[in-house]
Amino acid sequence: MSISATQAPVDSFSTLYQSHHRWLRSWLQHKLGSASDAEDLVQDTFMRVLLGGSAPEIREPKSFLCTLARRVMVDFYRRNMLEQRGKETLEYLPEQQIPSPELQHVMLETLQQIDVMLDGLGDKVQCAFLLSQLEGLTYAQVAVQLRVSVSSVKKYMAKATEHCLLFRLRQESGSWPTG
């Protein structure tokens, strides 16, 4: 690839960033009510543009950035919700069972990765997968909890397993954002 061929995407990203950074930060700050969260999400949004290499093809920059920023906000709210639930769960543990801050961080990151991985699956499929994999329930026990047949649970698990494998392959190849 020649220098001029690689320069065009860099120039278009740079132009997009310079032209719309301030506007997007203001838009996000209005939505979030926090300047620091808005700045973080602006950077996340532009990182997705940069990593996706889509800057040269963008025809409606504000519309594109709003759509992408909304997705980034959803991820932000989901991460915050998981973090809050984790903190609430820790409040019920006896002090001697509370994991170290380092382990808490690893656990939160793992939960966030699982959440991203399961995104897009139906509620029953997600629930079946989590009950089986995290709670250790048998398919028969999952079927009772979800009020479905064992064959339905088998189908849910096959779908969840396929989804997780595809997610991992896409993540390793870099073609699916990890949130």
C-alpha atoms as a PDB file:
ATOM      1  CA  MET A   1       0.000   0.000   0.000  1.00  0.00           C
ATOM      2  CA  SER A   2       1.411   3.384  -0.915  1.00  0.00           C
ATOM      3  CA  ILE A   3       1.747   6.275   1.488  1.00  0.00           C
ATOM      4  CA  SER A   4      -0.974   8.209  -0.294  1.00  0.00           C
ATOM      5  CA  ALA A   5      -3.364   5.222  -0.047  1.00  0.00           C
ATOM      6  CA  THR A   6      -2.825   4.972   3.708  1.00  0.00           C
ATOM      7  CA  GLN A   7      -2.895   8.744   4.159  1.00  0.00           C
ATOM      8  CA  ALA A   8      -6.474   9.160   2.868  1.00  0.00           C
ATOM      9  CA  PRO A   9      -8.131   7.224   5.763  1.00  0.00           C
ATOM     10  CA  VAL A  10      -5.956   9.061   8.287  1.00  0.00           C
ATOM     11  CA  ASP A  11      -6.849  12.430   6.754  1.00  0.00           C
ATOM     12  CA  SER A  12     -10.569  11.638   6.668  1.00  0.00           C
ATOM     13  CA  PHE A  13     -10.512  10.455  10.294  1.00  0.00           C
ATOM     14  CA  SER A  14      -8.561  13.523  11.349  1.00  0.00           C
ATOM     15  CA  THR A  15     -11.005  15.802   9.537  1.00  0.00           C
ATOM     16  CA  LEU A  16     -13.986  13.998  11.071  1.00  0.00           C
ATOM     17  CA  TYR A  17     -12.471  14.250  14.544  1.00  0.00           C
ATOM     18  CA  GLN A  18     -11.561  17.922  14.244  1.00  0.00           C
ATOM     19  CA  SER A  19     -14.910  18.856  12.701  1.00  0.00           C
ATOM     20  CA  HIS A  20     -17.173  16.952  15.090  1.00  0.00           C
ATOM     21  CA  HIS A  21     -15.362  16.305  18.372  1.00  0.00           C
ATOM     22  CA  ARG A  22     -16.627  19.430  20.148  1.00  0.00           C
ATOM     23  CA  TRP A  23     -20.176  18.972  18.838  1.00  0.00           C
ATOM     24  CA  LEU A  24     -20.302  15.284  19.866  1.00  0.00           C
ATOM     25  CA  ARG A  25     -18.906  16.052  23.326  1.00  0.00           C
ATOM     26  CA  SER A  26     -21.594  18.693  23.817  1.00  0.00           C
ATOM     27  CA  TRP A  27     -24.325  16.320  22.581  1.00  0.00           C
ATOM     28  CA  LEU A  28     -23.142  13.553  24.915  1.00  0.00           C
ATOM     29  CA  GLN A  29     -22.761  15.906  27.859  1.00  0.00           C
ATOM     30  CA  HIS A  30     -26.371  16.997  27.370  1.00  0.00           C
ATOM     31  CA  LYS A  31     -27.477  13.328  27.274  1.00  0.00           C
ATOM     32  CA  LEU A  32     -25.331  12.155  30.192  1.00  0.00           C
ATOM     33  CA  GLY A  33     -25.220  15.236  32.411  1.00  0.00           C
ATOM     34  CA  SER A  34     -21.507  14.684  33.023  1.00  0.00           C
ATOM     35  CA  ALA A  35     -18.611  16.355  31.250  1.00  0.00           C
ATOM     36  CA  SER A  36     -16.091  13.661  32.216  1.00  0.00           C
ATOM     37  CA  ASP A  37     -18.359  10.777  31.105  1.00  0.00           C
ATOM     38  CA  ALA A  38     -19.086  12.656  27.885  1.00  0.00           C
ATOM     39  CA  GLU A  39     -15.382  13.084  27.161  1.00  0.00           C
ATOM     40  CA  ASP A  40     -14.745   9.387  27.807  1.00  0.00           C
ATOM     41  CA  LEU A  41     -17.577   8.362  25.497  1.00  0.00           C
ATOM     42  CA  VAL A  42     -16.458  10.764  22.768  1.00  0.00           C
ATOM     43  CA  GLN A  43     -13.071   9.076  22.827  1.00  0.00           C
ATOM     44  CA  ASP A  44     -14.678   5.616  22.788  1.00  0.00           C
ATOM     45  CA  THR A  45     -16.861   6.651  19.855  1.00  0.00           C
ATOM     46  CA  PHE A  46     -13.965   7.992  17.817  1.00  0.00           C
ATOM     47  CA  MET A  47     -11.860   4.933  18.693  1.00  0.00           C
ATOM     48  CA  ARG A  48     -14.577   2.742  17.190  1.00  0.00           C
ATOM     49  CA  VAL A  49     -14.531   4.873  14.048  1.00  0.00           C
ATOM     50  CA  LEU A  50     -10.747   4.659  13.870  1.00  0.00           C
ATOM     51  CA  LEU A  51     -10.593   0.917  14.513  1.00  0.00           C
ATOM     52  CA  GLY A  52     -13.447   0.263  12.114  1.00  0.00           C
ATOM     53  CA  GLY A  53     -11.714   2.189   9.353  1.00  0.00           C
ATOM     54  CA  SER A  54     -15.067   3.632   8.295  1.00  0.00           C
ATOM     55  CA  ALA A  55     -14.171   7.332   8.284  1.00  0.00           C
ATOM     56  CA  PRO A  56     -13.661   7.608   4.493  1.00  0.00           C
ATOM     57  CA  GLU A  57     -17.134   6.153   3.780  1.00  0.00           C
ATOM     58  CA  ILE A  58     -19.130   8.343   6.185  1.00  0.00           C
ATOM     59  CA  ARG A  59     -21.606  10.485   4.250  1.00  0.00           C
ATOM     60  CA  GLU A  60     -23.725  11.861   7.125  1.00  0.00           C
ATOM     61  CA  PRO A  61     -21.193  12.410   9.934  1.00  0.00           C
ATOM     62  CA  LYS A  62     -23.557  13.701  12.630  1.00  0.00           C
ATOM     63  CA  SER A  63     -26.094  10.956  12.051  1.00  0.00           C
ATOM     64  CA  PHE A  64     -23.353   8.321  11.954  1.00  0.00           C
ATOM     65  CA  LEU A  65     -21.688   9.630  15.118  1.00  0.00           C
ATOM     66  CA  CYS A  66     -25.016   9.867  16.969  1.00  0.00           C
ATOM     67  CA  THR A  67     -25.844   6.267  16.133  1.00  0.00           C
ATOM     68  CA  LEU A  68     -22.408   5.070  17.153  1.00  0.00           C
ATOM     69  CA  ALA A  69     -22.393   7.225  20.310  1.00  0.00           C
ATOM     70  CA  ARG A  70     -25.785   5.789  21.329  1.00  0.00           C
ATOM     71  CA  ARG A  71     -24.294   2.289  21.081  1.00  0.00           C
ATOM     72  CA  VAL A  72     -21.333   3.418  23.159  1.00  0.00           C
ATOM     73  CA  MET A  73     -23.775   4.879  25.738  1.00  0.00           C
ATOM     74  CA  VAL A  74     -25.664   1.581  25.915  1.00  0.00           C
ATOM     75  CA  ASP A  75     -22.383  -0.217  26.598  1.00  0.00           C
ATOM     76  CA  PHE A  76     -21.504   2.422  29.203  1.00  0.00           C
ATOM     77  CA  TYR A  77     -24.833   2.025  31.012  1.00  0.00           C
ATOM     78  CA  ARG A  78     -24.568  -1.769  30.903  1.00  0.00           C
ATOM     79  CA  ARG A  79     -21.050  -1.668  32.376  1.00  0.00           C
ATOM     80  CA  ASN A  80     -22.234   0.685  35.117  1.00  0.00           C
ATOM     81  CA  MET A  81     -25.235  -1.522  35.865  1.00  0.00           C
ATOM     82  CA  LEU A  82     -23.019  -4.607  36.157  1.00  0.00           C
ATOM     83  CA  GLU A  83     -20.609  -2.722  38.388  1.00  0.00           C
ATOM     84  CA  GLN A  84     -23.450  -1.523  40.629  1.00  0.00           C
ATOM     85  CA  ARG A  85     -24.952  -5.008  40.879  1.00  0.00           C
ATOM     86  CA  GLY A  86     -21.528  -6.387  41.757  1.00  0.00           C
ATOM     87  CA  LYS A  87     -21.119  -3.833  44.541  1.00  0.00           C
ATOM     88  CA  GLU A  88     -24.594  -4.606  45.853  1.00  0.00           C
ATOM     89  CA  THR A  89     -23.816  -8.331  45.862  1.00  0.00           C
ATOM     90  CA  LEU A  90     -20.599  -7.743  47.813  1.00  0.00           C
ATOM     91  CA  GLU A  91     -22.551  -5.863  50.494  1.00  0.00           C
ATOM     92  CA  TYR A  92     -24.255  -9.131  51.480  1.00  0.00           C
ATOM     93  CA  LEU A  93     -21.030 -11.086  51.928  1.00  0.00           C
ATOM     94  CA  PRO A  94     -19.384 -11.477  55.314  1.00  0.00           C
ATOM     95  CA  GLU A  95     -16.255  -9.336  55.528  1.00  0.00           C
ATOM     96  CA  GLN A  96     -13.886 -12.335  55.464  1.00  0.00           C
ATOM     97  CA  GLN A  97     -15.431 -13.517  52.152  1.00  0.00           C
ATOM     98  CA  ILE A  98     -15.143 -10.211  50.294  1.00  0.00           C
ATOM     99  CA  PRO A  99     -12.608 -10.674  47.488  1.00  0.00           C
ATOM    100  CA  SER A 100      -9.604  -8.392  47.153  1.00  0.00           C
ATOM    101  CA  PRO A 101     -10.007  -5.251  45.010  1.00  0.00           C
ATOM    102  CA  GLU A 102      -7.864  -6.904  42.329  1.00  0.00           C
ATOM    103  CA  LEU A 103     -10.095  -9.987  42.230  1.00  0.00           C
ATOM    104  CA  GLN A 104     -13.195  -7.768  42.221  1.00  0.00           C
ATOM    105  CA  HIS A 105     -11.800  -5.987  39.166  1.00  0.00           C
ATOM    106  CA  VAL A 106     -11.109  -9.274  37.366  1.00  0.00           C
ATOM    107  CA  MET A 107     -14.603 -10.531  38.241  1.00  0.00           C
ATOM    108  CA  LEU A 108     -16.203  -7.338  36.918  1.00  0.00           C
ATOM    109  CA  GLU A 109     -14.211  -7.520  33.669  1.00  0.00           C
ATOM    110  CA  THR A 110     -15.250 -11.151  33.250  1.00  0.00           C
ATOM    111  CA  LEU A 111     -18.911 -10.282  33.813  1.00  0.00           C
ATOM    112  CA  GLN A 112     -18.654  -7.480  31.276  1.00  0.00           C
ATOM    113  CA  GLN A 113     -17.117  -9.840  28.712  1.00  0.00           C
ATOM    114  CA  ILE A 114     -19.880 -12.393  29.307  1.00  0.00           C
ATOM    115  CA  ASP A 115     -22.501  -9.655  28.972  1.00  0.00           C
ATOM    116  CA  VAL A 116     -21.039  -8.504  25.654  1.00  0.00           C
ATOM    117  CA  MET A 117     -20.724 -12.073  24.448  1.00  0.00           C
ATOM    118  CA  LEU A 118     -24.360 -12.926  25.236  1.00  0.00           C
ATOM    119  CA  ASP A 119     -25.730  -9.714  23.772  1.00  0.00           C
ATOM    120  CA  GLY A 120     -28.089 -10.496  20.927  1.00  0.00           C
ATOM    121  CA  LEU A 121     -29.357 -13.778  22.316  1.00  0.00           C
ATOM    122  CA  GLY A 122     -32.972 -14.074  23.415  1.00  0.00           C
ATOM    123  CA  ASP A 123     -33.813 -13.928  27.113  1.00  0.00           C
ATOM    124  CA  LYS A 124     -34.563 -17.646  27.441  1.00  0.00           C
ATOM    125  CA  VAL A 125     -31.385 -18.612  25.589  1.00  0.00           C
ATOM    126  CA  GLN A 126     -29.305 -16.328  27.833  1.00  0.00           C
ATOM    127  CA  CYS A 127     -31.035 -17.580  30.944  1.00  0.00           C
ATOM    128  CA  ALA A 128     -30.609 -21.243  29.977  1.00  0.00           C
ATOM    129  CA  PHE A 129     -26.923 -20.682  29.251  1.00  0.00           C
ATOM    130  CA  LEU A 130     -26.286 -18.864  32.531  1.00  0.00           C
ATOM    131  CA  LEU A 131     -28.242 -21.359  34.628  1.00  0.00           C
ATOM    132  CA  SER A 132     -26.347 -24.234  33.064  1.00  0.00           C
ATOM    133  CA  GLN A 133     -22.869 -22.703  32.948  1.00  0.00           C
ATOM    134  CA  LEU A 134     -22.806 -20.491  36.044  1.00  0.00           C
ATOM    135  CA  GLU A 135     -25.268 -22.231  38.341  1.00  0.00           C
ATOM    136  CA  GLY A 136     -24.312 -25.746  37.236  1.00  0.00           C
ATOM    137  CA  LEU A 137     -27.903 -26.842  36.685  1.00  0.00           C
ATOM    138  CA  THR A 138     -28.663 -29.841  34.512  1.00  0.00           C
ATOM    139  CA  TYR A 139     -30.735 -29.367  31.377  1.00  0.00           C
ATOM    140  CA  ALA A 140     -33.701 -30.929  33.188  1.00  0.00           C
ATOM    141  CA  GLN A 141     -33.349 -28.458  36.064  1.00  0.00           C
ATOM    142  CA  VAL A 142     -33.035 -25.554  33.616  1.00  0.00           C
ATOM    143  CA  ALA A 143     -36.171 -26.775  31.822  1.00  0.00           C
ATOM    144  CA  VAL A 144     -38.121 -26.743  35.094  1.00  0.00           C
ATOM    145  CA  GLN A 145     -36.902 -23.235  35.961  1.00  0.00           C
ATOM    146  CA  LEU A 146     -37.730 -21.850  32.509  1.00  0.00           C
ATOM    147  CA  ARG A 147     -40.955 -23.887  32.200  1.00  0.00           C
ATOM    148  CA  VAL A 148     -39.897 -25.375  28.861  1.00  0.00           C
ATOM    149  CA  SER A 149     -39.041 -28.861  27.628  1.00  0.00           C
ATOM    150  CA  VAL A 150     -35.589 -30.392  27.918  1.00  0.00           C
ATOM    151  CA  SER A 151     -35.401 -30.434  24.113  1.00  0.00           C
ATOM    152  CA  SER A 152     -35.969 -26.657  24.134  1.00  0.00           C
ATOM    153  CA  VAL A 153     -33.117 -26.266  26.610  1.00  0.00           C
ATOM    154  CA  LYS A 154     -30.886 -28.353  24.322  1.00  0.00           C
ATOM    155  CA  LYS A 155     -31.765 -26.058  21.418  1.00  0.00           C
ATOM    156  CA  TYR A 156     -31.108 -22.962  23.552  1.00  0.00           C
ATOM    157  CA  MET A 157     -27.727 -24.329  24.622  1.00  0.00           C
ATOM    158  CA  ALA A 158     -26.768 -25.214  21.054  1.00  0.00           C
ATOM    159  CA  LYS A 159     -27.690 -21.699  19.944  1.00  0.00           C
ATOM    160  CA  ALA A 160     -25.801 -20.088  22.841  1.00  0.00           C
ATOM    161  CA  THR A 161     -22.742 -22.263  22.245  1.00  0.00           C
ATOM    162  CA  GLU A 162     -22.694 -21.425  18.541  1.00  0.00           C
ATOM    163  CA  HIS A 163     -23.142 -17.720  19.332  1.00  0.00           C
ATOM    164  CA  CYS A 164     -20.264 -17.799  21.846  1.00  0.00           C
ATOM    165  CA  LEU A 165     -17.954 -19.605  19.443  1.00  0.00           C
ATOM    166  CA  LEU A 166     -18.751 -17.165  16.641  1.00  0.00           C
ATOM    167  CA  PHE A 167     -18.237 -14.274  19.039  1.00  0.00           C
ATOM    168  CA  ARG A 168     -14.821 -15.578  19.994  1.00  0.00           C
ATOM    169  CA  LEU A 169     -13.803 -16.099  16.377  1.00  0.00           C
ATOM    170  CA  ARG A 170     -14.946 -12.601  15.442  1.00  0.00           C
ATOM    171  CA  GLN A 171     -13.243 -11.096  18.469  1.00  0.00           C
ATOM    172  CA  GLU A 172      -9.972 -12.848  17.654  1.00  0.00           C
ATOM    173  CA  SER A 173     -10.152 -11.703  14.039  1.00  0.00           C
ATOM    174  CA  GLY A 174     -11.031  -8.160  15.126  1.00  0.00           C
ATOM    175  CA  SER A 175     -14.249  -7.992  13.115  1.00  0.00           C
ATOM    176  CA  TRP A 176     -16.663  -7.621  16.026  1.00  0.00           C
ATOM    177  CA  PRO A 177     -16.383  -4.805  18.564  1.00  0.00           C
ATOM    178  CA  THR A 178     -15.865  -6.001  22.125  1.00  0.00           C
ATOM    179  CA  GLY A 179     -17.721  -3.238  23.766  1.00  0.00           C
END
